[in-house]
Amino acid sequence: MDRFIKKSGIYQNLEKRRWEYWLVLTDENKILVSWLCWTAPQEIFEQWKHSNVS
């Protein structure tokens, strides 16, 4: 999965069926900061999205 991560942000992990927020420091140094399952309610997704993007 992390080979597709090029910049910090939210990505969909199709294999694990979840959203992930990745922090990219360098091409070799990428950190999975948080994730949220696809079945989470929209309200929870919006809160999670804004807490990661801010």
Protein backbone atom coordinates (compact mmCIF):
# COMPACT_ATOMS: atom_id res chain seq x y z
CA MET A 1 0.00 0.00 0.00
CA ASP A 2 2.64 2.53 1.01
CA ARG A 3 4.27 2.34 -2.44
CA PHE A 4 1.24 4.30 -3.73
CA ILE A 5 1.55 6.97 -1.04
CA LYS A 6 3.28 10.03 -2.51
CA LYS A 7 2.14 12.89 -0.24
CA SER A 8 0.44 13.33 3.13
CA GLY A 9 -3.30 12.82 3.06
CA ILE A 10 -6.23 10.43 3.15
CA TYR A 11 -6.09 7.27 1.03
CA GLN A 12 -8.45 4.33 0.53
CA ASN A 13 -6.99 0.95 1.43
CA LEU A 14 -9.02 -1.39 -0.76
CA GLU A 15 -7.50 -4.53 0.73
CA LYS A 16 -8.41 -3.63 4.32
CA ARG A 17 -11.59 -1.72 3.39
CA ARG A 18 -10.72 1.45 5.29
CA TRP A 19 -9.60 5.05 4.94
CA GLU A 20 -6.08 5.83 6.09
CA TYR A 21 -4.31 9.08 6.84
CA TRP A 22 -0.63 8.96 5.89
CA LEU A 23 2.08 11.46 6.85
CA VAL A 24 4.90 11.52 4.29
CA LEU A 25 8.19 12.92 5.58
CA THR A 26 10.42 11.51 2.80
CA ASP A 27 10.05 8.86 0.07
CA GLU A 28 11.36 6.28 2.55
CA ASN A 29 9.72 7.63 5.70
CA LYS A 30 5.93 7.32 5.63
CA ILE A 31 3.79 7.02 8.75
CA LEU A 32 0.25 5.64 8.99
CA VAL A 33 -1.21 8.14 11.46
CA SER A 34 -4.79 6.89 11.73
CA TRP A 35 -7.44 4.87 9.95
CA LEU A 36 -11.22 4.55 9.89
CA CYS A 37 -13.32 1.62 8.65
CA TRP A 38 -15.63 2.13 5.69
CA THR A 39 -18.70 1.23 7.73
CA ALA A 40 -18.33 4.26 10.01
CA PRO A 41 -21.25 6.72 9.83
CA GLN A 42 -20.76 9.78 7.59
CA GLU A 43 -20.73 12.10 10.61
CA ILE A 44 -17.83 10.16 12.17
CA PHE A 45 -15.99 10.16 8.84
CA GLU A 46 -16.31 13.94 8.56
CA GLN A 47 -15.01 14.43 12.12
CA TRP A 48 -12.10 12.06 11.44
CA LYS A 49 -11.32 13.72 8.10
CA HIS A 50 -11.23 17.22 9.57
CA SER A 51 -9.16 16.16 12.56
CA ASN A 52 -6.48 14.74 10.22
CA VAL A 53 -6.49 17.46 7.59
CA SER A 54 -6.43 20.41 9.98
